[in-house]
């Protein structure tokens, strides 16, 4: 069975090459625990496969026989443009990795749709200076419609990152209740299965109640939970695969319950595997 690589080499090798095609995966994490770095690494590694095979071999290594890398990588953001995101990525990874890995990445800045009906001054998120005539020309599709249209056009067979669901939910709550939000996510899950790509949804767990997080988990194919774990005077970043269609069973067969993770010049990585003893 074909697999779409997450871009995290050691994880991909343990789960048969990556995620099953058509997966919607929730990357739910505490601030700084590694979820965002996972996204940056996933984007860069998948992009690197297309742009620079030599660097790909250096940073990622050998791909699994069942791995099928996406033809395109798309990064949707509601609050940051490509320059800001690239700068953040360079804080995490080597410049050469970021430059080569994002050469063919398509960044979609939806800040205009996200902020347009808010009290945020237009010049803060747009290069255009507002005037009376331009007020009637604003794009009234709304954030959710803009995301849906973008996914319809670019979701098939590709890797798409949505950064972040926390922002998306903030905008959505003004238009719909949580039951409708859950239905929206389930609709995305159904559509993604037809597209055959991989959608990564970034969300901050500290901004959600346990009930709301549980409902998001239920509406997606997989949930990777990123947490800080304290032991003595040190803290460690950990990753737990809470649920994942076609993946969790492989880890359970190996009695793997948790990963210790680290962040270095090559991005997000797994440093240790904890098993049931």
C-alpha atoms as a PDB file:
ATOM      1  CA  UNK A   1       0.000   0.000   0.000  1.00  0.00           C
ATOM      2  CA  UNK A   2       1.303   3.426  -0.927  1.00  0.00           C
ATOM      3  CA  UNK A   3       2.182   5.804   1.908  1.00  0.00           C
ATOM      4  CA  UNK A   4       2.617   9.578   1.954  1.00  0.00           C
ATOM      5  CA  UNK A   5       5.698  10.478   4.043  1.00  0.00           C
ATOM      6  CA  UNK A   6       5.284  12.815   6.979  1.00  0.00           C
ATOM      7  CA  UNK A   7       8.854  13.973   6.366  1.00  0.00           C
ATOM      8  CA  UNK A   8      10.032  12.728   9.775  1.00  0.00           C
ATOM      9  CA  UNK A   9      12.411   9.991   8.669  1.00  0.00           C
ATOM     10  CA  UNK A  10      12.463   7.781  11.755  1.00  0.00           C
ATOM     11  CA  UNK A  11       8.711   7.983  12.216  1.00  0.00           C
ATOM     12  CA  UNK A  12       8.065   7.155   8.561  1.00  0.00           C
ATOM     13  CA  UNK A  13      10.326   4.109   8.750  1.00  0.00           C
ATOM     14  CA  UNK A  14       8.342   2.722  11.704  1.00  0.00           C
ATOM     15  CA  UNK A  15       4.915   3.186  10.138  1.00  0.00           C
ATOM     16  CA  UNK A  16       5.609   1.714   6.713  1.00  0.00           C
ATOM     17  CA  UNK A  17       6.697   4.825   4.858  1.00  0.00           C
ATOM     18  CA  UNK A  18       4.197   7.409   6.067  1.00  0.00           C
ATOM     19  CA  UNK A  19       0.461   8.064   6.323  1.00  0.00           C
ATOM     20  CA  UNK A  20      -2.175   6.251   4.252  1.00  0.00           C
ATOM     21  CA  UNK A  21      -3.311   8.346   1.269  1.00  0.00           C
ATOM     22  CA  UNK A  22      -6.337  10.472   2.060  1.00  0.00           C
ATOM     23  CA  UNK A  23      -5.439  11.057   5.705  1.00  0.00           C
ATOM     24  CA  UNK A  24      -6.340  14.138   7.728  1.00  0.00           C
ATOM     25  CA  UNK A  25      -3.949  14.331  10.680  1.00  0.00           C
ATOM     26  CA  UNK A  26      -4.350  16.592  13.710  1.00  0.00           C
ATOM     27  CA  UNK A  27      -1.051  17.843  15.140  1.00  0.00           C
ATOM     28  CA  UNK A  28      -2.144  18.883  18.616  1.00  0.00           C
ATOM     29  CA  UNK A  29       0.444  20.340  20.927  1.00  0.00           C
ATOM     30  CA  UNK A  30       1.374  22.511  23.844  1.00  0.00           C
ATOM     31  CA  UNK A  31       3.266  25.668  22.942  1.00  0.00           C
ATOM     32  CA  UNK A  32       6.884  24.849  22.078  1.00  0.00           C
ATOM     33  CA  UNK A  33       6.430  21.093  22.413  1.00  0.00           C
ATOM     34  CA  UNK A  34       7.245  20.389  18.771  1.00  0.00           C
ATOM     35  CA  UNK A  35       4.002  20.429  16.748  1.00  0.00           C
ATOM     36  CA  UNK A  36       4.974  23.520  14.751  1.00  0.00           C
ATOM     37  CA  UNK A  37       8.503  22.211  14.209  1.00  0.00           C
ATOM     38  CA  UNK A  38       6.989  18.940  12.972  1.00  0.00           C
ATOM     39  CA  UNK A  39       5.045  20.940  10.368  1.00  0.00           C
ATOM     40  CA  UNK A  40       8.092  22.897   9.237  1.00  0.00           C
ATOM     41  CA  UNK A  41      10.150  19.717   8.902  1.00  0.00           C
ATOM     42  CA  UNK A  42       7.370  17.911   7.030  1.00  0.00           C
ATOM     43  CA  UNK A  43       7.061  20.749   4.527  1.00  0.00           C
ATOM     44  CA  UNK A  44      10.819  21.105   4.002  1.00  0.00           C
ATOM     45  CA  UNK A  45      11.554  17.387   3.611  1.00  0.00           C
ATOM     46  CA  UNK A  46       8.711  16.759   1.187  1.00  0.00           C
ATOM     47  CA  UNK A  47       9.771  19.805  -0.809  1.00  0.00           C
ATOM     48  CA  UNK A  48      13.422  18.758  -0.721  1.00  0.00           C
ATOM     49  CA  UNK A  49      12.638  15.454  -2.419  1.00  0.00           C
ATOM     50  CA  UNK A  50      11.626  17.393  -5.513  1.00  0.00           C
ATOM     51  CA  UNK A  51      14.258  20.132  -5.469  1.00  0.00           C
ATOM     52  CA  UNK A  52      17.549  18.574  -4.271  1.00  0.00           C
ATOM     53  CA  UNK A  53      17.990  14.796  -4.068  1.00  0.00           C
ATOM     54  CA  UNK A  54      21.506  15.074  -2.615  1.00  0.00           C
ATOM     55  CA  UNK A  55      20.367  17.225   0.311  1.00  0.00           C
ATOM     56  CA  UNK A  56      17.330  14.996   0.735  1.00  0.00           C
ATOM     57  CA  UNK A  57      19.562  11.952   1.137  1.00  0.00           C
ATOM     58  CA  UNK A  58      21.680  13.876   3.646  1.00  0.00           C
ATOM     59  CA  UNK A  59      18.834  15.090   5.870  1.00  0.00           C
ATOM     60  CA  UNK A  60      16.174  12.418   5.387  1.00  0.00           C
ATOM     61  CA  UNK A  61      18.034   9.307   4.265  1.00  0.00           C
ATOM     62  CA  UNK A  62      16.569   6.405   2.329  1.00  0.00           C
ATOM     63  CA  UNK A  63      12.844   6.513   1.673  1.00  0.00           C
ATOM     64  CA  UNK A  64      10.675   3.472   2.371  1.00  0.00           C
ATOM     65  CA  UNK A  65       9.802   1.287  -0.625  1.00  0.00           C
ATOM     66  CA  UNK A  66       6.107   2.113  -0.204  1.00  0.00           C
ATOM     67  CA  UNK A  67       6.644   5.867   0.100  1.00  0.00           C
ATOM     68  CA  UNK A  68       5.059   8.113  -2.540  1.00  0.00           C
ATOM     69  CA  UNK A  69       6.067  11.731  -2.157  1.00  0.00           C
ATOM     70  CA  UNK A  70       3.493  14.388  -3.083  1.00  0.00           C
ATOM     71  CA  UNK A  71       3.849  16.241  -6.349  1.00  0.00           C
ATOM     72  CA  UNK A  72       3.062  19.543  -4.629  1.00  0.00           C
ATOM     73  CA  UNK A  73       3.336  20.979  -1.124  1.00  0.00           C
ATOM     74  CA  UNK A  74       0.930  23.717  -0.002  1.00  0.00           C
ATOM     75  CA  UNK A  75       1.054  25.754   3.193  1.00  0.00           C
ATOM     76  CA  UNK A  76      -2.086  27.661   4.210  1.00  0.00           C
ATOM     77  CA  UNK A  77      -1.690  30.379   6.842  1.00  0.00           C
ATOM     78  CA  UNK A  78      -4.232  32.851   8.219  1.00  0.00           C
ATOM     79  CA  UNK A  79      -1.885  35.238  10.018  1.00  0.00           C
ATOM     80  CA  UNK A  80       1.533  35.088   8.314  1.00  0.00           C
ATOM     81  CA  UNK A  81       2.902  35.531   4.810  1.00  0.00           C
ATOM     82  CA  UNK A  82       5.636  33.415   3.225  1.00  0.00           C
ATOM     83  CA  UNK A  83       8.478  35.715   4.325  1.00  0.00           C
ATOM     84  CA  UNK A  84       7.467  35.472   7.980  1.00  0.00           C
ATOM     85  CA  UNK A  85       7.081  31.691   7.778  1.00  0.00           C
ATOM     86  CA  UNK A  86      10.435  31.216   6.065  1.00  0.00           C
ATOM     87  CA  UNK A  87      12.112  33.326   8.738  1.00  0.00           C
ATOM     88  CA  UNK A  88      10.552  31.167  11.455  1.00  0.00           C
ATOM     89  CA  UNK A  89      11.671  28.006   9.672  1.00  0.00           C
ATOM     90  CA  UNK A  90      15.246  29.284   9.571  1.00  0.00           C
ATOM     91  CA  UNK A  91      15.191  29.592  13.354  1.00  0.00           C
ATOM     92  CA  UNK A  92      14.510  25.845  13.452  1.00  0.00           C
ATOM     93  CA  UNK A  93      16.542  24.401  10.566  1.00  0.00           C
ATOM     94  CA  UNK A  94      19.670  25.055   8.522  1.00  0.00           C
ATOM     95  CA  UNK A  95      19.304  27.791   5.932  1.00  0.00           C
ATOM     96  CA  UNK A  96      20.263  25.456   3.084  1.00  0.00           C
ATOM     97  CA  UNK A  97      17.546  23.012   4.101  1.00  0.00           C
ATOM     98  CA  UNK A  98      14.908  25.741   4.282  1.00  0.00           C
ATOM     99  CA  UNK A  99      15.945  27.407   1.019  1.00  0.00           C
ATOM    100  CA  UNK A 100      16.048  24.193  -1.008  1.00  0.00           C
ATOM    101  CA  UNK A 101      13.122  22.527   0.747  1.00  0.00           C
ATOM    102  CA  UNK A 102      10.718  25.418   0.182  1.00  0.00           C
ATOM    103  CA  UNK A 103      11.774  26.259  -3.364  1.00  0.00           C
ATOM    104  CA  UNK A 104       8.645  24.661  -4.807  1.00  0.00           C
ATOM    105  CA  UNK A 105       6.334  25.067  -1.796  1.00  0.00           C
ATOM    106  CA  UNK A 106       3.215  27.118  -2.470  1.00  0.00           C
ATOM    107  CA  UNK A 107       2.387  29.446   0.442  1.00  0.00           C
ATOM    108  CA  UNK A 108      -1.224  30.623   0.610  1.00  0.00           C
ATOM    109  CA  UNK A 109      -1.659  33.749   2.741  1.00  0.00           C
ATOM    110  CA  UNK A 110      -5.355  34.035   3.680  1.00  0.00           C
ATOM    111  CA  UNK A 111      -4.877  36.898   6.124  1.00  0.00           C
ATOM    112  CA  UNK A 112      -7.047  39.211   4.004  1.00  0.00           C
ATOM    113  CA  UNK A 113     -10.035  36.879   4.317  1.00  0.00           C
ATOM    114  CA  UNK A 114      -9.248  36.176   7.963  1.00  0.00           C
ATOM    115  CA  UNK A 115      -8.939  39.778   9.166  1.00  0.00           C
ATOM    116  CA  UNK A 116     -11.166  41.650   6.737  1.00  0.00           C
ATOM    117  CA  UNK A 117     -14.299  41.752   8.924  1.00  0.00           C
ATOM    118  CA  UNK A 118     -12.404  42.331  12.171  1.00  0.00           C
ATOM    119  CA  UNK A 119     -11.339  45.558  13.843  1.00  0.00           C
ATOM    120  CA  UNK A 120      -7.700  44.977  12.832  1.00  0.00           C
ATOM    121  CA  UNK A 121      -6.507  47.919  10.654  1.00  0.00           C
ATOM    122  CA  UNK A 122      -6.190  46.808   7.049  1.00  0.00           C
ATOM    123  CA  UNK A 123      -2.678  48.194   6.654  1.00  0.00           C
ATOM    124  CA  UNK A 124      -1.482  45.748   9.362  1.00  0.00           C
ATOM    125  CA  UNK A 125      -2.164  42.712   7.175  1.00  0.00           C
ATOM    126  CA  UNK A 126      -2.297  44.147   3.663  1.00  0.00           C
ATOM    127  CA  UNK A 127       0.169  46.160   1.614  1.00  0.00           C
ATOM    128  CA  UNK A 128      -2.691  48.173   0.160  1.00  0.00           C
ATOM    129  CA  UNK A 129      -3.692  51.449   1.806  1.00  0.00           C
ATOM    130  CA  UNK A 130      -7.479  51.463   2.363  1.00  0.00           C
ATOM    131  CA  UNK A 131      -9.685  54.135   0.871  1.00  0.00           C
ATOM    132  CA  UNK A 132     -13.443  54.631   0.648  1.00  0.00           C
ATOM    133  CA  UNK A 133     -13.657  53.077  -2.806  1.00  0.00           C
ATOM    134  CA  UNK A 134     -11.789  49.908  -1.811  1.00  0.00           C
ATOM    135  CA  UNK A 135     -14.084  49.130   1.108  1.00  0.00           C
ATOM    136  CA  UNK A 136     -16.747  47.766  -1.223  1.00  0.00           C
ATOM    137  CA  UNK A 137     -14.257  45.572  -3.089  1.00  0.00           C
ATOM    138  CA  UNK A 138     -13.301  43.366  -0.162  1.00  0.00           C
ATOM    139  CA  UNK A 139     -13.457  39.623  -0.698  1.00  0.00           C
ATOM    140  CA  UNK A 140     -16.606  38.524   1.131  1.00  0.00           C
ATOM    141  CA  UNK A 141     -16.140  34.787   0.677  1.00  0.00           C
ATOM    142  CA  UNK A 142     -14.957  34.436   4.243  1.00  0.00           C
ATOM    143  CA  UNK A 143     -12.168  32.353   5.677  1.00  0.00           C
ATOM    144  CA  UNK A 144     -13.920  28.985   5.595  1.00  0.00           C
ATOM    145  CA  UNK A 145     -15.009  29.349   1.979  1.00  0.00           C
ATOM    146  CA  UNK A 146     -11.510  30.432   0.973  1.00  0.00           C
ATOM    147  CA  UNK A 147     -10.004  27.345   2.631  1.00  0.00           C
ATOM    148  CA  UNK A 148     -12.559  25.073   0.986  1.00  0.00           C
ATOM    149  CA  UNK A 149     -11.923  26.501  -2.458  1.00  0.00           C
ATOM    150  CA  UNK A 150      -8.160  26.215  -2.034  1.00  0.00           C
ATOM    151  CA  UNK A 151      -8.383  22.584  -0.907  1.00  0.00           C
ATOM    152  CA  UNK A 152     -10.723  21.707  -3.776  1.00  0.00           C
ATOM    153  CA  UNK A 153      -8.121  23.022  -6.198  1.00  0.00           C
ATOM    154  CA  UNK A 154      -4.935  21.729  -4.572  1.00  0.00           C
ATOM    155  CA  UNK A 155      -5.845  18.865  -2.226  1.00  0.00           C
ATOM    156  CA  UNK A 156      -5.703  15.944  -4.666  1.00  0.00           C
ATOM    157  CA  UNK A 157      -2.548  13.870  -4.172  1.00  0.00           C
ATOM    158  CA  UNK A 158      -0.683  16.662  -2.402  1.00  0.00           C
ATOM    159  CA  UNK A 159       0.533  17.605   1.061  1.00  0.00           C
ATOM    160  CA  UNK A 160      -1.467  20.508   2.484  1.00  0.00           C
ATOM    161  CA  UNK A 161      -0.739  22.169   5.838  1.00  0.00           C
ATOM    162  CA  UNK A 162      -3.358  24.328   7.580  1.00  0.00           C
ATOM    163  CA  UNK A 163      -1.758  26.714  10.089  1.00  0.00           C
ATOM    164  CA  UNK A 164      -3.633  26.787  12.219  1.00  0.00           C
ATOM    165  CA  UNK A 165      -6.932  25.200  13.141  1.00  0.00           C
ATOM    166  CA  UNK A 166      -6.839  27.320  16.296  1.00  0.00           C
ATOM    167  CA  UNK A 167      -7.133  30.422  14.091  1.00  0.00           C
ATOM    168  CA  UNK A 168      -9.725  28.786  11.873  1.00  0.00           C
ATOM    169  CA  UNK A 169     -11.907  27.845  14.836  1.00  0.00           C
ATOM    170  CA  UNK A 170     -11.734  31.381  16.195  1.00  0.00           C
ATOM    171  CA  UNK A 171     -13.108  32.701  12.925  1.00  0.00           C
ATOM    172  CA  UNK A 172     -15.655  29.907  12.573  1.00  0.00           C
ATOM    173  CA  UNK A 173     -17.137  30.321  16.043  1.00  0.00           C
ATOM    174  CA  UNK A 174     -18.516  33.702  14.970  1.00  0.00           C
ATOM    175  CA  UNK A 175     -20.507  32.005  12.211  1.00  0.00           C
ATOM    176  CA  UNK A 176     -21.384  28.547  13.546  1.00  0.00           C
ATOM    177  CA  UNK A 177     -21.505  26.455  16.708  1.00  0.00           C
ATOM    178  CA  UNK A 178     -19.256  23.536  17.592  1.00  0.00           C
ATOM    179  CA  UNK A 179     -21.613  20.948  16.100  1.00  0.00           C
ATOM    180  CA  UNK A 180     -21.214  22.600  12.709  1.00  0.00           C
ATOM    181  CA  UNK A 181     -17.462  22.891  13.153  1.00  0.00           C
ATOM    182  CA  UNK A 182     -17.255  19.172  13.836  1.00  0.00           C
ATOM    183  CA  UNK A 183     -19.331  18.490  10.716  1.00  0.00           C
ATOM    184  CA  UNK A 184     -16.973  20.703   8.732  1.00  0.00           C
ATOM    185  CA  UNK A 185     -13.978  18.627   9.873  1.00  0.00           C
ATOM    186  CA  UNK A 186     -15.779  15.378   9.076  1.00  0.00           C
ATOM    187  CA  UNK A 187     -16.557  16.757   5.631  1.00  0.00           C
ATOM    188  CA  UNK A 188     -12.866  17.514   5.144  1.00  0.00           C
ATOM    189  CA  UNK A 189     -12.049  13.948   6.218  1.00  0.00           C
ATOM    190  CA  UNK A 190     -14.438  12.518   3.631  1.00  0.00           C
ATOM    191  CA  UNK A 191     -13.150  14.784   0.854  1.00  0.00           C
ATOM    192  CA  UNK A 192      -9.513  14.079   1.714  1.00  0.00           C
ATOM    193  CA  UNK A 193     -10.094  10.347   1.352  1.00  0.00           C
ATOM    194  CA  UNK A 194     -11.250  11.025  -2.204  1.00  0.00           C
ATOM    195  CA  UNK A 195      -8.316  13.359  -2.921  1.00  0.00           C
ATOM    196  CA  UNK A 196      -5.730  10.795  -1.815  1.00  0.00           C
ATOM    197  CA  UNK A 197      -3.350  13.362  -0.353  1.00  0.00           C
ATOM    198  CA  UNK A 198      -2.262  14.262   3.183  1.00  0.00           C
ATOM    199  CA  UNK A 199      -3.706  17.170   5.178  1.00  0.00           C
ATOM    200  CA  UNK A 200      -1.927  18.289   8.369  1.00  0.00           C
ATOM    201  CA  UNK A 201      -3.955  20.393  10.809  1.00  0.00           C
ATOM    202  CA  UNK A 202      -1.982  22.319  13.423  1.00  0.00           C
ATOM    203  CA  UNK A 203      -3.809  23.130  16.672  1.00  0.00           C
ATOM    204  CA  UNK A 204      -2.815  24.505  20.084  1.00  0.00           C
ATOM    205  CA  UNK A 205      -4.202  22.218  22.806  1.00  0.00           C
ATOM    206  CA  UNK A 206      -3.981  24.981  25.415  1.00  0.00           C
ATOM    207  CA  UNK A 207      -6.634  26.946  23.498  1.00  0.00           C
ATOM    208  CA  UNK A 208      -9.162  24.090  23.553  1.00  0.00           C
ATOM    209  CA  UNK A 209     -11.186  22.308  26.199  1.00  0.00           C
ATOM    210  CA  UNK A 210     -10.745  18.541  26.530  1.00  0.00           C
ATOM    211  CA  UNK A 211     -14.207  18.066  25.043  1.00  0.00           C
ATOM    212  CA  UNK A 212     -13.480  20.192  21.986  1.00  0.00           C
ATOM    213  CA  UNK A 213     -10.132  18.477  21.433  1.00  0.00           C
ATOM    214  CA  UNK A 214     -11.849  15.110  21.667  1.00  0.00           C
ATOM    215  CA  UNK A 215     -14.383  16.109  19.038  1.00  0.00           C
ATOM    216  CA  UNK A 216     -11.632  17.260  16.680  1.00  0.00           C
ATOM    217  CA  UNK A 217      -9.801  13.984  17.218  1.00  0.00           C
ATOM    218  CA  UNK A 218     -12.950  12.038  16.418  1.00  0.00           C
ATOM    219  CA  UNK A 219     -13.397  13.995  13.176  1.00  0.00           C
ATOM    220  CA  UNK A 220      -9.903  13.222  11.822  1.00  0.00           C
ATOM    221  CA  UNK A 221      -8.003  10.109  10.765  1.00  0.00           C
ATOM    222  CA  UNK A 222      -5.092  10.588  13.123  1.00  0.00           C
ATOM    223  CA  UNK A 223      -3.946  12.633  16.094  1.00  0.00           C
ATOM    224  CA  UNK A 224      -0.338  13.226  17.099  1.00  0.00           C
ATOM    225  CA  UNK A 225      -0.111  14.740  20.570  1.00  0.00           C
ATOM    226  CA  UNK A 226       2.941  16.873  21.411  1.00  0.00           C
ATOM    227  CA  UNK A 227       3.575  17.503  25.099  1.00  0.00           C
ATOM    228  CA  UNK A 228       6.180  18.646  27.580  1.00  0.00           C
ATOM    229  CA  UNK A 229       7.166  16.068  30.163  1.00  0.00           C
ATOM    230  CA  UNK A 230       8.996  17.123  33.327  1.00  0.00           C
ATOM    231  CA  UNK A 231      11.444  14.904  35.151  1.00  0.00           C
ATOM    232  CA  UNK A 232      13.593  16.337  37.906  1.00  0.00           C
ATOM    233  CA  UNK A 233      15.202  19.568  36.740  1.00  0.00           C
ATOM    234  CA  UNK A 234      14.763  18.882  33.019  1.00  0.00           C
ATOM    235  CA  UNK A 235      11.896  18.942  30.546  1.00  0.00           C
ATOM    236  CA  UNK A 236      11.566  16.700  27.516  1.00  0.00           C
ATOM    237  CA  UNK A 237       9.426  16.994  24.423  1.00  0.00           C
ATOM    238  CA  UNK A 238       7.289  13.915  23.815  1.00  0.00           C
ATOM    239  CA  UNK A 239       5.057  12.649  21.019  1.00  0.00           C
ATOM    240  CA  UNK A 240       2.163  10.230  21.460  1.00  0.00           C
ATOM    241  CA  UNK A 241       0.190   8.756  18.569  1.00  0.00           C
ATOM    242  CA  UNK A 242      -3.304   8.903  20.054  1.00  0.00           C
ATOM    243  CA  UNK A 243      -5.085   7.399  17.073  1.00  0.00           C
ATOM    244  CA  UNK A 244      -4.221   6.964  13.417  1.00  0.00           C
ATOM    245  CA  UNK A 245      -5.995   4.930  10.757  1.00  0.00           C
ATOM    246  CA  UNK A 246      -3.647   2.310   9.313  1.00  0.00           C
ATOM    247  CA  UNK A 247      -0.723   3.433  11.486  1.00  0.00           C
ATOM    248  CA  UNK A 248      -1.453   2.906  15.168  1.00  0.00           C
ATOM    249  CA  UNK A 249      -1.699  -0.860  14.772  1.00  0.00           C
ATOM    250  CA  UNK A 250       1.910  -0.983  13.548  1.00  0.00           C
ATOM    251  CA  UNK A 251       3.129   0.833  16.646  1.00  0.00           C
ATOM    252  CA  UNK A 252       1.002  -1.333  18.925  1.00  0.00           C
ATOM    253  CA  UNK A 253       2.539  -4.444  17.366  1.00  0.00           C
ATOM    254  CA  UNK A 254       5.926  -3.070  18.462  1.00  0.00           C
ATOM    255  CA  UNK A 255       4.544  -2.091  21.902  1.00  0.00           C
ATOM    256  CA  UNK A 256       5.542   1.529  21.265  1.00  0.00           C
ATOM    257  CA  UNK A 257       3.688   3.923  23.553  1.00  0.00           C
ATOM    258  CA  UNK A 258       5.605   7.190  23.309  1.00  0.00           C
ATOM    259  CA  UNK A 259       8.425   8.975  21.513  1.00  0.00           C
ATOM    260  CA  UNK A 260      10.944  11.358  22.988  1.00  0.00           C
ATOM    261  CA  UNK A 261      11.696  14.059  20.451  1.00  0.00           C
ATOM    262  CA  UNK A 262      14.285  16.727  19.784  1.00  0.00           C
ATOM    263  CA  UNK A 263      14.759  19.705  17.507  1.00  0.00           C
ATOM    264  CA  UNK A 264      18.078  20.262  15.752  1.00  0.00           C
ATOM    265  CA  UNK A 265      19.454  21.796  12.552  1.00  0.00           C
ATOM    266  CA  UNK A 266      17.701  19.122  10.523  1.00  0.00           C
ATOM    267  CA  UNK A 267      14.356  19.978  12.102  1.00  0.00           C
ATOM    268  CA  UNK A 268      12.055  17.828  14.214  1.00  0.00           C
ATOM    269  CA  UNK A 269      13.332  14.346  15.025  1.00  0.00           C
ATOM    270  CA  UNK A 270      12.681  11.338  17.233  1.00  0.00           C
ATOM    271  CA  UNK A 271      15.451  10.763  19.754  1.00  0.00           C
ATOM    272  CA  UNK A 272      14.098   7.770  21.695  1.00  0.00           C
ATOM    273  CA  UNK A 273      11.276   5.246  21.595  1.00  0.00           C
ATOM    274  CA  UNK A 274       9.517   4.185  24.773  1.00  0.00           C
ATOM    275  CA  UNK A 275       8.034   0.699  24.834  1.00  0.00           C
ATOM    276  CA  UNK A 276       5.807  -1.164  27.240  1.00  0.00           C
ATOM    277  CA  UNK A 277       7.925  -3.082  29.704  1.00  0.00           C
END
